[in-house]
Protein backbone atom coordinates (compact mmCIF):
# COMPACT_ATOMS: atom_id res chain seq x y z
CA UNK A 1 96.32 4.42 -55.38
CA UNK A 2 95.71 2.81 -58.61
CA UNK A 3 97.63 -0.39 -57.09
CA UNK A 4 95.28 -0.92 -54.12
CA UNK A 5 92.37 -0.30 -56.32
CA UNK A 6 93.62 -3.59 -58.53
CA UNK A 7 94.24 -5.33 -55.64
CA UNK A 8 90.46 -4.66 -53.98
CA UNK A 9 89.30 -5.44 -57.44
CA UNK A 10 91.16 -9.04 -57.10
CA UNK A 11 89.88 -9.50 -53.78
CA UNK A 12 86.40 -9.01 -54.85
CA UNK A 13 86.38 -10.63 -58.18
CA UNK A 14 88.12 -13.86 -55.69
CA UNK A 15 84.96 -13.47 -53.39
CA UNK A 16 82.52 -13.85 -56.31
CA UNK A 17 83.97 -16.31 -57.71
CA UNK A 18 84.56 -18.41 -54.50
CA UNK A 19 80.83 -18.21 -53.78
CA UNK A 20 80.11 -18.92 -57.32
CA UNK A 21 78.14 -15.78 -58.01
CA UNK A 22 78.88 -14.49 -62.00
CA UNK A 23 79.36 -11.01 -62.83
CA UNK A 24 75.83 -10.15 -64.03
CA UNK A 25 74.30 -11.94 -61.10
CA UNK A 26 76.53 -10.01 -58.25
CA UNK A 27 75.44 -6.64 -60.39
CA UNK A 28 71.51 -7.28 -60.25
CA UNK A 29 71.64 -8.44 -56.73
CA UNK A 30 73.71 -5.60 -55.08
CA UNK A 31 71.66 -3.47 -57.62
CA UNK A 32 75.09 -1.91 -59.25
CA UNK A 33 75.37 -1.69 -63.02
CA UNK A 34 76.93 -4.65 -64.64
CA UNK A 35 80.06 -1.78 -66.12
CA UNK A 36 80.63 -0.52 -62.31
CA UNK A 37 81.08 -4.11 -61.55
CA UNK A 38 83.37 -4.83 -64.10
CA UNK A 39 85.17 -1.25 -63.54
CA UNK A 40 85.06 -2.05 -60.10
CA UNK A 41 86.88 -5.73 -60.82
CA UNK A 42 89.78 -4.26 -63.43
CA UNK A 43 90.70 -1.76 -60.26
CA UNK A 44 89.73 1.06 -62.98
CA UNK A 45 87.76 4.26 -62.53
CA UNK A 46 86.14 5.80 -59.02
CA UNK A 47 85.43 3.66 -56.53
CA UNK A 48 81.54 4.71 -54.59
CA UNK A 49 82.02 3.53 -50.88
CA UNK A 50 78.07 3.21 -50.67
CA UNK A 51 78.03 0.69 -54.01
CA UNK A 52 81.44 -0.93 -52.46
CA UNK A 53 78.83 -1.80 -49.23
CA UNK A 54 76.42 -2.47 -51.27
CA UNK A 55 78.31 -5.47 -53.61
CA UNK A 56 80.14 -6.08 -50.00
CA UNK A 57 77.00 -6.97 -48.65
CA UNK A 58 75.82 -9.86 -51.63
CA UNK A 59 79.51 -10.75 -51.26
CA UNK A 60 78.77 -11.44 -47.17
CA UNK A 61 82.86 -9.41 -46.97
CA UNK A 62 82.89 -6.50 -44.45
CA UNK A 63 84.46 -3.20 -45.84
CA UNK A 64 87.52 -3.77 -43.16
CA UNK A 65 87.81 -7.37 -44.15
CA UNK A 66 88.36 -6.31 -47.81
CA UNK A 67 90.53 -3.60 -47.13
CA UNK A 68 92.75 -5.76 -44.66
CA UNK A 69 96.61 -5.12 -45.55
CA UNK A 70 95.99 -2.88 -48.49
CA UNK A 71 97.97 0.64 -48.68
CA UNK A 72 100.89 1.76 -47.40
CA UNK A 73 100.10 0.00 -43.82
CA UNK A 74 99.80 -3.45 -45.15
CA UNK A 75 101.59 -6.18 -43.37
CA UNK A 76 105.64 -6.41 -43.36
CA UNK A 77 105.14 -10.13 -43.91
CA UNK A 78 104.87 -11.85 -47.36
CA UNK A 79 103.76 -15.12 -47.70
CA UNK A 80 104.29 -17.89 -50.68
CA UNK A 81 101.42 -20.58 -51.36
CA UNK A 82 101.14 -22.83 -54.03
CA UNK A 83 101.65 -26.58 -54.75
CA UNK A 84 105.47 -28.10 -54.80
CA UNK A 85 107.36 -26.35 -57.45
CA UNK A 86 105.84 -23.77 -57.94
CA UNK A 87 108.89 -21.78 -57.38
CA UNK A 88 108.16 -20.24 -53.70
CA UNK A 89 111.45 -21.55 -52.18
CA UNK A 90 113.54 -19.49 -55.09
CA UNK A 91 111.08 -17.06 -55.18
CA UNK A 92 110.97 -16.91 -51.69
CA UNK A 93 114.75 -16.38 -51.15
CA UNK A 94 115.40 -14.10 -53.68
CA UNK A 95 112.73 -11.70 -52.67
CA UNK A 96 114.06 -11.69 -48.77
CA UNK A 97 117.30 -10.77 -49.88
CA UNK A 98 116.11 -8.04 -51.79
CA UNK A 99 114.02 -6.82 -49.32
CA UNK A 100 116.70 -7.88 -46.25
CA UNK A 101 114.37 -9.96 -44.36
CA UNK A 102 114.19 -13.33 -43.11
CA UNK A 103 113.38 -16.02 -45.19
CA UNK A 104 111.45 -18.55 -43.54
CA UNK A 105 109.83 -22.14 -44.79
CA UNK A 106 106.96 -23.02 -42.53
CA UNK A 107 107.63 -27.11 -43.26
CA UNK A 108 111.74 -26.30 -42.14
CA UNK A 109 110.75 -24.62 -38.70
CA UNK A 110 107.89 -27.22 -38.31
CA UNK A 111 110.30 -30.56 -38.91
CA UNK A 112 112.59 -28.54 -36.52
CA UNK A 113 110.29 -28.13 -34.11
CA UNK A 114 109.05 -32.11 -34.17
CA UNK A 115 112.98 -33.44 -34.70
CA UNK A 116 111.70 -35.21 -37.51
CA UNK A 117 110.60 -35.08 -41.04
CA UNK A 118 107.37 -34.39 -42.55
CA UNK A 119 107.48 -38.21 -43.73
CA UNK A 120 108.05 -39.55 -40.85
CA UNK A 121 105.42 -36.98 -38.90
CA UNK A 122 102.43 -38.14 -41.33
CA UNK A 123 103.91 -41.84 -41.00
CA UNK A 124 104.27 -42.00 -37.22
CA UNK A 125 101.77 -39.41 -35.73
CA UNK A 126 99.52 -38.83 -39.02
CA UNK A 127 98.14 -35.59 -40.57
CA UNK A 128 96.01 -34.41 -37.43
CA UNK A 129 99.30 -33.83 -35.64
CA UNK A 130 100.98 -32.50 -39.16
CA UNK A 131 98.01 -29.99 -39.25
CA UNK A 132 98.25 -28.68 -34.76
CA UNK A 133 101.76 -28.59 -35.03
CA UNK A 134 101.51 -26.41 -39.01
CA UNK A 135 99.37 -24.12 -36.73
CA UNK A 136 101.53 -23.56 -33.78
CA UNK A 137 104.59 -23.13 -36.18
CA UNK A 138 102.45 -20.20 -38.02
CA UNK A 139 101.21 -18.48 -34.67
CA UNK A 140 105.03 -18.09 -33.76
CA UNK A 141 106.30 -16.73 -37.32
CA UNK A 142 103.64 -14.40 -37.37
CA UNK A 143 103.94 -13.31 -33.82
CA UNK A 144 107.55 -11.80 -34.86
CA UNK A 145 108.03 -8.34 -34.72
CA UNK A 146 109.83 -7.10 -38.47
CA UNK A 147 109.44 -8.22 -42.17
CA UNK A 148 109.32 -11.60 -43.65
CA UNK A 149 109.06 -14.04 -46.63
CA UNK A 150 107.52 -16.88 -45.64
CA UNK A 151 106.85 -19.97 -47.97
CA UNK A 152 103.68 -21.92 -46.60
CA UNK A 153 103.10 -25.49 -47.58
CA UNK A 154 101.20 -26.37 -50.76
CA UNK A 155 98.81 -28.19 -48.47
CA UNK A 156 98.11 -25.08 -46.58
CA UNK A 157 94.89 -23.61 -47.80
CA UNK A 158 93.19 -27.06 -46.91
CA UNK A 159 93.52 -26.13 -43.28
CA UNK A 160 91.00 -23.78 -42.53
CA UNK A 161 92.30 -22.08 -39.47
CA UNK A 162 95.81 -21.97 -40.89
CA UNK A 163 94.92 -20.54 -44.05
CA UNK A 164 92.47 -17.72 -42.10
CA UNK A 165 95.48 -17.11 -39.84
CA UNK A 166 97.72 -16.47 -42.63
CA UNK A 167 95.69 -14.54 -44.73
CA UNK A 168 94.77 -11.61 -41.79
CA UNK A 169 98.77 -11.74 -41.04
CA UNK A 170 100.30 -11.65 -44.24
CA UNK A 171 100.26 -10.34 -47.67
CA UNK A 172 99.75 -13.78 -49.31
CA UNK A 173 100.63 -14.34 -52.67
CA UNK A 174 99.74 -17.36 -55.08
CA UNK A 175 102.73 -18.35 -57.24
CA UNK A 176 101.04 -20.48 -60.40
CA UNK A 177 102.27 -22.86 -62.94
CA UNK A 178 101.55 -24.90 -64.83
CA UNK A 179 101.46 -28.87 -64.06
CA UNK A 180 104.22 -30.24 -66.45
CA UNK A 181 106.57 -27.09 -64.92
CA UNK A 182 105.43 -28.17 -61.35
CA UNK A 183 107.28 -31.73 -62.15
CA UNK A 184 109.75 -30.51 -64.01
CA UNK A 185 111.12 -28.29 -61.15
CA UNK A 186 110.53 -30.92 -58.66
CA UNK A 187 112.09 -33.61 -60.82
CA UNK A 188 115.49 -30.76 -61.26
CA UNK A 189 115.85 -30.28 -57.70
CA UNK A 190 116.56 -34.21 -57.21
CA UNK A 191 113.41 -35.37 -55.71
CA UNK A 192 111.98 -38.23 -57.33
CA UNK A 193 108.67 -38.80 -55.07
CA UNK A 194 106.02 -37.38 -57.22
CA UNK A 195 106.89 -39.92 -60.18
CA UNK A 196 107.93 -42.93 -58.08
CA UNK A 197 105.17 -45.25 -59.02
CA UNK A 198 103.33 -43.26 -60.42
CA UNK A 199 102.64 -42.95 -63.84
CA UNK A 200 99.89 -40.68 -64.26
CA UNK A 201 101.35 -37.90 -61.82
CA UNK A 202 100.93 -35.35 -64.18
CA UNK A 203 97.25 -36.18 -64.28
CA UNK A 204 97.39 -36.67 -60.43
CA UNK A 205 98.51 -32.73 -59.74
CA UNK A 206 96.41 -31.52 -62.46
CA UNK A 207 93.53 -33.02 -60.20
CA UNK A 208 95.06 -31.43 -57.00
CA UNK A 209 94.87 -27.82 -58.59
CA UNK A 210 91.28 -27.94 -59.51
CA UNK A 211 90.78 -28.77 -55.84
CA UNK A 212 92.37 -26.16 -54.29
CA UNK A 213 92.58 -23.79 -57.52
CA UNK A 214 89.31 -21.91 -55.63
CA UNK A 215 91.35 -21.54 -52.35
CA UNK A 216 94.02 -20.52 -53.46
CA UNK A 217 93.01 -17.48 -55.59
CA UNK A 218 91.63 -16.23 -51.79
CA UNK A 219 95.49 -15.12 -52.11
CA UNK A 220 95.59 -11.33 -52.27
CA UNK A 221 98.10 -11.84 -54.95
CA UNK A 222 98.21 -14.35 -57.89
CA UNK A 223 101.50 -14.29 -60.37
CA UNK A 224 102.38 -16.89 -62.70
CA UNK A 225 105.96 -18.22 -62.45
CA UNK A 226 106.13 -19.38 -66.14
CA UNK A 227 105.50 -16.54 -67.67
CA UNK A 228 106.95 -13.64 -65.12
CA UNK A 229 110.01 -16.05 -64.45
CA UNK A 230 111.92 -15.28 -60.46
CA UNK A 231 113.22 -12.35 -61.12
CA UNK A 232 110.21 -11.15 -62.83
CA UNK A 233 107.78 -12.23 -59.84
CA UNK A 234 110.26 -10.77 -57.32
CA UNK A 235 110.34 -7.26 -58.82
CA UNK A 236 106.78 -7.79 -59.09
CA UNK A 237 106.52 -7.92 -55.44
CA UNK A 238 109.37 -5.81 -54.54
CA UNK A 239 107.50 -2.74 -56.34
CA UNK A 240 103.75 -3.48 -56.04
């Protein structure tokens, strides 16, 4: 029960921030006490269904949408989102092994379907074609029976339809890391593309994170890979 309340509170907090309301403004509009709202977002105390409905009314989110995927019947598929270097592949493979389910990288599946690399897709066909393939691959993965751990492309949150499909069909997790960690991990993998010819690569990455943070924040759960490490994140997802 505690985990359910915590997850519901996190979703409400993310929604409030997305539409730009302070806790005080939301409490006033929903006619609930600030103390109730603070406890609600922290996942503490008992939730009054009537008061929760009033809060959801202000946030323009239905109770069914709020509770989708929460509790024992939540989706068996877990989707990891975040920028390149957040640890999606490493965490994903380890988590999939622990859960004994397949690990799927959407971009790898996309390349297989297209018969060319991502760079070639963008160069020869453009971003629009990439987005179409991304959505088709995602729809196919979501139709697969059983559980899975899915690593999504870093920019999927900017593709409105695909991001909605992912949130509706999986338990989404935002893997967070500092910009410096993102670059260090990519470099350690032997991928120098983010640094080549870009003296301000870290500043550019910081700008991208700022632009996308409100979208990433819509994920069901947020875990900091810098603080927890790979094993810590895996254990948190296994038991949470």
